[in-house]
Protein backbone atom coordinates (compact mmCIF):
# COMPACT_ATOMS: atom_id res chain seq x y z
CA UNK A 1 -12.41 19.86 87.04
CA UNK A 2 -15.52 18.05 85.87
CA UNK A 3 -15.98 14.42 86.82
CA UNK A 4 -17.52 11.95 84.37
CA UNK A 5 -19.21 8.92 85.88
CA UNK A 6 -20.34 5.71 84.22
CA UNK A 7 -18.74 3.92 81.27
CA UNK A 8 -16.01 5.54 79.22
CA UNK A 9 -17.05 3.59 76.09
CA UNK A 10 -18.84 5.81 73.54
CA UNK A 11 -22.54 4.97 73.34
CA UNK A 12 -24.88 5.01 70.34
CA UNK A 13 -27.74 7.12 71.65
CA UNK A 14 -29.89 7.24 68.51
CA UNK A 15 -30.29 6.02 64.93
CA UNK A 16 -32.40 7.74 62.32
CA UNK A 17 -33.23 6.19 58.94
CA UNK A 18 -34.06 8.25 55.85
CA UNK A 19 -35.12 7.32 52.33
CA UNK A 20 -34.57 9.21 49.10
CA UNK A 21 -35.86 7.79 45.81
CA UNK A 22 -32.66 8.87 44.03
CA UNK A 23 -30.09 7.54 46.50
CA UNK A 24 -32.04 4.92 48.49
CA UNK A 25 -31.74 4.41 52.24
CA UNK A 26 -29.36 6.20 54.57
CA UNK A 27 -28.97 6.38 58.33
CA UNK A 28 -27.77 8.92 60.84
CA UNK A 29 -25.97 7.58 63.91
CA UNK A 30 -25.44 9.70 67.04
CA UNK A 31 -22.68 8.71 69.46
CA UNK A 32 -21.85 10.33 72.82
CA UNK A 33 -18.98 9.78 75.25
CA UNK A 34 -15.62 11.06 76.38
CA UNK A 35 -14.19 13.53 73.90
CA UNK A 36 -11.04 11.59 73.04
CA UNK A 37 -12.95 8.34 72.58
CA UNK A 38 -15.64 9.94 70.42
CA UNK A 39 -12.91 11.46 68.26
CA UNK A 40 -11.48 7.98 67.78
CA UNK A 41 -14.93 6.81 66.66
CA UNK A 42 -15.07 9.75 64.25
CA UNK A 43 -11.80 8.59 62.67
CA UNK A 44 -13.25 5.09 62.17
CA UNK A 45 -16.51 6.38 60.67
CA UNK A 46 -14.65 8.74 58.34
CA UNK A 47 -13.60 5.71 56.27
CA UNK A 48 -17.15 5.09 55.05
CA UNK A 49 -19.53 7.81 56.32
CA UNK A 50 -20.66 10.52 53.90
CA UNK A 51 -20.78 13.31 56.52
CA UNK A 52 -19.63 13.62 60.14
CA UNK A 53 -20.35 16.39 62.66
CA UNK A 54 -18.61 16.59 66.04
CA UNK A 55 -19.79 18.79 68.92
CA UNK A 56 -17.54 19.14 71.96
CA UNK A 57 -18.96 19.95 75.37
CA UNK A 58 -16.18 20.08 77.94
CA UNK A 59 -14.76 16.57 78.50
CA UNK A 60 -17.57 14.99 76.44
CA UNK A 61 -18.50 15.12 72.80
CA UNK A 62 -21.35 14.17 70.50
CA UNK A 63 -20.79 12.84 66.98
CA UNK A 64 -23.41 12.48 64.26
CA UNK A 65 -22.52 10.48 61.13
CA UNK A 66 -24.60 9.94 57.99
CA UNK A 67 -24.08 6.61 56.20
CA UNK A 68 -25.59 5.79 52.82
CA UNK A 69 -26.76 2.18 52.53
CA UNK A 70 -25.43 1.53 49.05
CA UNK A 71 -22.81 -0.71 47.45
CA UNK A 72 -20.01 1.66 48.43
CA UNK A 73 -20.31 0.89 52.11
CA UNK A 74 -17.55 -1.23 53.66
CA UNK A 75 -17.90 -4.73 54.98
CA UNK A 76 -18.15 -3.72 58.63
CA UNK A 77 -21.27 -1.63 57.96
CA UNK A 78 -23.12 -4.89 57.13
CA UNK A 79 -25.35 -3.75 54.25
CA UNK A 80 -27.67 -6.03 52.37
CA UNK A 81 -25.48 -7.80 49.78
CA UNK A 82 -27.17 -8.27 46.41
CA UNK A 83 -26.65 -11.56 44.53
CA UNK A 84 -28.30 -12.05 41.16
CA UNK A 85 -28.27 -15.29 39.13
CA UNK A 86 -29.15 -15.38 35.43
CA UNK A 87 -29.75 -18.27 33.01
CA UNK A 88 -28.82 -17.26 29.48
CA UNK A 89 -28.53 -19.02 26.16
CA UNK A 90 -25.85 -18.59 23.54
CA UNK A 91 -24.82 -20.21 20.28
CA UNK A 92 -21.47 -21.94 19.94
CA UNK A 93 -19.74 -23.24 16.82
CA UNK A 94 -18.30 -26.67 17.47
CA UNK A 95 -16.75 -29.40 15.36
CA UNK A 96 -19.15 -32.02 14.07
CA UNK A 97 -17.22 -34.72 15.91
CA UNK A 98 -18.19 -33.01 19.19
CA UNK A 99 -21.92 -33.35 18.49
CA UNK A 100 -23.16 -36.13 20.82
CA UNK A 101 -26.11 -36.87 18.53
CA UNK A 102 -23.67 -37.92 15.83
CA UNK A 103 -20.49 -38.93 17.58
CA UNK A 104 -21.78 -41.01 20.48
CA UNK A 105 -20.44 -44.52 19.89
CA UNK A 106 -18.34 -43.46 16.90
CA UNK A 107 -14.66 -44.01 17.56
CA UNK A 108 -11.81 -41.78 16.47
CA UNK A 109 -10.84 -44.46 13.94
CA UNK A 110 -14.31 -44.26 12.39
CA UNK A 111 -14.06 -40.49 12.09
CA UNK A 112 -10.60 -40.65 10.51
CA UNK A 113 -11.80 -43.25 7.99
CA UNK A 114 -14.86 -41.20 7.02
CA UNK A 115 -12.71 -38.11 6.60
CA UNK A 116 -10.38 -39.97 4.21
CA UNK A 117 -13.37 -41.33 2.27
CA UNK A 118 -14.88 -37.84 1.99
CA UNK A 119 -11.59 -36.36 0.78
CA UNK A 120 -11.39 -39.11 -1.87
CA UNK A 121 -14.93 -38.29 -3.05
CA UNK A 122 -14.19 -34.56 -3.26
CA UNK A 123 -10.97 -35.27 -5.20
CA UNK A 124 -12.87 -37.52 -7.64
CA UNK A 125 -10.96 -40.67 -6.71
CA UNK A 126 -14.08 -42.62 -5.70
CA UNK A 127 -17.82 -42.20 -5.96
CA UNK A 128 -20.21 -41.58 -3.09
CA UNK A 129 -21.64 -45.06 -3.68
CA UNK A 130 -18.23 -46.62 -3.23
CA UNK A 131 -17.62 -44.57 -0.11
CA UNK A 132 -20.94 -45.69 1.33
CA UNK A 133 -20.25 -49.34 0.63
CA UNK A 134 -16.53 -49.74 1.16
CA UNK A 135 -15.61 -47.92 4.36
CA UNK A 136 -13.27 -50.19 6.29
CA UNK A 137 -11.03 -49.78 9.30
CA UNK A 138 -8.18 -52.25 9.86
CA UNK A 139 -9.92 -54.78 7.61
CA UNK A 140 -13.24 -54.56 9.53
CA UNK A 141 -16.17 -53.48 7.38
CA UNK A 142 -17.90 -50.26 8.35
CA UNK A 143 -20.28 -50.35 5.39
CA UNK A 144 -23.23 -47.98 5.50
CA UNK A 145 -25.82 -50.34 4.09
CA UNK A 146 -27.14 -53.72 5.07
CA UNK A 147 -25.65 -57.09 4.20
CA UNK A 148 -27.16 -57.08 0.71
CA UNK A 149 -24.98 -54.13 -0.32
CA UNK A 150 -25.32 -50.49 -1.28
CA UNK A 151 -28.81 -49.28 -2.09
CA UNK A 152 -30.72 -51.90 -0.13
CA UNK A 153 -31.08 -53.22 3.38
CA UNK A 154 -31.77 -51.40 6.61
CA UNK A 155 -29.34 -49.01 8.27
CA UNK A 156 -28.18 -49.52 11.81
CA UNK A 157 -27.91 -46.50 14.11
CA UNK A 158 -24.14 -46.71 13.85
CA UNK A 159 -24.22 -46.74 10.04
CA UNK A 160 -26.60 -43.77 9.97
CA UNK A 161 -24.15 -41.72 12.02
CA UNK A 162 -21.29 -42.66 9.70
CA UNK A 163 -23.38 -41.66 6.67
CA UNK A 164 -24.21 -38.29 8.25
CA UNK A 165 -20.55 -37.68 8.96
CA UNK A 166 -19.61 -38.56 5.38
CA UNK A 167 -22.17 -36.17 3.91
CA UNK A 168 -21.05 -33.39 6.23
CA UNK A 169 -17.39 -33.85 5.37
CA UNK A 170 -18.14 -33.95 1.64
CA UNK A 171 -20.21 -30.75 1.94
CA UNK A 172 -17.45 -29.10 3.99
CA UNK A 173 -19.78 -28.80 6.99
CA UNK A 174 -17.26 -29.78 9.63
CA UNK A 175 -18.70 -27.39 12.21
CA UNK A 176 -22.20 -27.12 13.60
CA UNK A 177 -24.04 -24.46 15.60
CA UNK A 178 -25.11 -25.70 19.01
CA UNK A 179 -26.85 -23.99 21.90
CA UNK A 180 -25.46 -23.97 25.41
CA UNK A 181 -26.66 -22.74 28.76
CA UNK A 182 -24.81 -19.86 30.34
CA UNK A 183 -25.02 -19.19 34.07
CA UNK A 184 -24.10 -15.68 35.15
CA UNK A 185 -23.63 -14.60 38.74
CA UNK A 186 -23.63 -10.91 39.60
CA UNK A 187 -22.88 -9.99 43.17
CA UNK A 188 -21.49 -7.40 45.50
CA UNK A 189 -18.45 -9.13 47.00
CA UNK A 190 -18.74 -8.81 50.76
CA UNK A 191 -15.94 -11.02 52.03
CA UNK A 192 -12.61 -12.55 51.04
CA UNK A 193 -14.20 -15.96 50.40
CA UNK A 194 -16.36 -14.66 47.55
CA UNK A 195 -13.41 -12.77 46.10
CA UNK A 196 -11.21 -15.87 46.15
CA UNK A 197 -13.98 -18.00 44.65
CA UNK A 198 -14.13 -15.66 41.65
CA UNK A 199 -10.61 -16.73 40.61
CA UNK A 200 -10.69 -20.36 41.79
CA UNK A 201 -11.02 -22.99 39.08
CA UNK A 202 -11.12 -20.63 36.09
CA UNK A 203 -10.98 -22.61 32.80
CA UNK A 204 -11.96 -25.74 34.69
CA UNK A 205 -15.13 -27.76 34.17
CA UNK A 206 -17.42 -27.57 37.21
CA UNK A 207 -20.05 -30.13 38.07
CA UNK A 208 -23.47 -29.02 39.26
CA UNK A 209 -22.70 -30.21 42.80
CA UNK A 210 -19.45 -28.19 42.84
CA UNK A 211 -21.38 -25.06 41.82
CA UNK A 212 -24.00 -25.61 44.50
CA UNK A 213 -21.35 -26.12 47.16
CA UNK A 214 -18.87 -23.44 46.11
CA UNK A 215 -21.24 -20.70 44.98
CA UNK A 216 -24.37 -21.40 47.05
CA UNK A 217 -26.44 -21.76 43.91
CA UNK A 218 -30.21 -21.46 44.55
CA UNK A 219 -32.18 -24.72 44.19
CA UNK A 220 -34.30 -23.19 41.41
CA UNK A 221 -31.21 -22.89 39.22
CA UNK A 222 -30.08 -26.48 39.78
CA UNK A 223 -33.59 -27.74 39.03
CA UNK A 224 -33.68 -25.83 35.74
CA UNK A 225 -30.25 -27.01 34.58
CA UNK A 226 -31.12 -30.67 35.02
CA UNK A 227 -29.00 -31.67 32.00
CA UNK A 228 -25.90 -31.17 34.11
CA UNK A 229 -26.42 -34.63 35.56
CA UNK A 230 -24.85 -36.15 32.42
CA UNK A 231 -21.48 -37.83 32.77
CA UNK A 232 -18.30 -37.51 30.75
CA UNK A 233 -18.72 -38.45 27.12
CA UNK A 234 -16.22 -40.79 25.41
CA UNK A 235 -15.74 -41.40 21.70
CA UNK A 236 -14.14 -44.81 22.04
CA UNK A 237 -16.08 -47.17 24.27
CA UNK A 238 -13.18 -49.62 24.23
CA UNK A 239 -10.51 -47.37 25.71
CA UNK A 240 -12.70 -44.63 27.18
CA UNK A 241 -10.61 -42.06 25.32
CA UNK A 242 -11.00 -39.93 22.22
CA UNK A 243 -7.59 -41.06 20.98
CA UNK A 244 -6.13 -44.19 22.49
CA UNK A 245 -3.23 -43.42 24.81
CA UNK A 246 -4.07 -39.71 25.24
CA UNK A 247 -6.37 -39.94 28.30
CA UNK A 248 -8.57 -37.40 26.51
CA UNK A 249 -12.33 -37.48 27.02
CA UNK A 250 -15.16 -35.00 26.61
CA UNK A 251 -16.21 -33.68 30.02
CA UNK A 252 -19.78 -32.41 30.24
CA UNK A 253 -20.17 -29.57 32.71
CA UNK A 254 -19.88 -25.85 33.41
CA UNK A 255 -16.71 -24.23 32.05
CA UNK A 256 -15.86 -21.36 34.39
CA UNK A 257 -14.88 -18.10 32.71
CA UNK A 258 -12.58 -15.43 34.11
CA UNK A 259 -14.47 -12.89 36.25
CA UNK A 260 -15.10 -9.23 35.64
CA UNK A 261 -14.42 -7.36 38.89
CA UNK A 262 -14.95 -3.65 39.52
CA UNK A 263 -13.58 -2.20 42.74
CA UNK A 264 -15.40 0.65 44.47
CA UNK A 265 -14.47 3.00 47.27
CA UNK A 266 -15.18 1.72 50.74
CA UNK A 267 -13.75 -1.77 50.30
CA UNK A 268 -16.35 -3.41 48.05
CA UNK A 269 -16.09 -5.07 44.64
CA UNK A 270 -18.67 -5.86 41.98
CA UNK A 271 -18.27 -9.36 40.49
CA UNK A 272 -19.76 -10.72 37.28
CA UNK A 273 -18.92 -14.31 36.32
CA UNK A 274 -20.16 -16.91 33.84
CA UNK A 275 -20.18 -20.69 33.51
CA UNK A 276 -20.86 -22.32 30.10
CA UNK A 277 -22.58 -25.71 30.00
CA UNK A 278 -21.37 -27.99 27.21
CA UNK A 279 -18.86 -30.72 26.34
CA UNK A 280 -15.21 -29.77 26.94
CA UNK A 281 -11.99 -31.56 26.04
CA UNK A 282 -10.39 -32.86 29.23
CA UNK A 283 -6.82 -32.14 28.09
CA UNK A 284 -7.68 -28.44 27.61
CA UNK A 285 -10.24 -28.04 30.42
CA UNK A 286 -9.80 -30.40 33.38
CA UNK A 287 -12.51 -31.09 35.93
CA UNK A 288 -12.44 -28.77 38.94
CA UNK A 289 -11.81 -30.68 42.14
């Protein structure tokens, strides 16, 4: 009977790397050792190797396995995991009351009053001049012109916003087209953490710091999306709410969308996920914490 000396752990005796322009890199691994142990290694490699050859020589054996270095390889083969970030732009149709250029500092009571005035103008109950001069809320004048009345005097910034709202409501332009940043992350999911992160906080508003921490966002991305440093936006400066008693505010941040995940053989998954940067109603889309 033959006697085998030395370690009984199968040894990797050589590695050969090959490149093909159609399939990319691959490697051939040669392992030698006791026959039963090498066969066990062959069973392990059969889960992800493309081809395996096994040569027995008495109590020993030699195994050669070819492994393609692509996205179908399993986690334990430790390939290079590709992560790709994109900054995109898209148009979104939003209500005029959500436009910060118009609505900042305008309370929900102002908006309701202007809407009633606009409806009265459209129905022929009052003239535009009367609407411009007589807008009141709870007995407090919200006139559009200066103290000398309609048609003269200077407009305050607040009055200009009310006038714009009135014209938009009269013209039935209650929605506006705004642009928003879209961040898209494409990656080959290599571990359970990345897979869990793809479903964590969906339909929640993420801050820039939460994205950097949770998704390891590159510094170039955070520098480009500098507008994310804005804070939550409130209609009513008195209560800090859009409607008093509702606890509703506009949160400015990245709204996380549901991921698109494609599973491949070998234990990997392809993940594509987006975050949309804009103002979001807190009662519908809470802040991710």
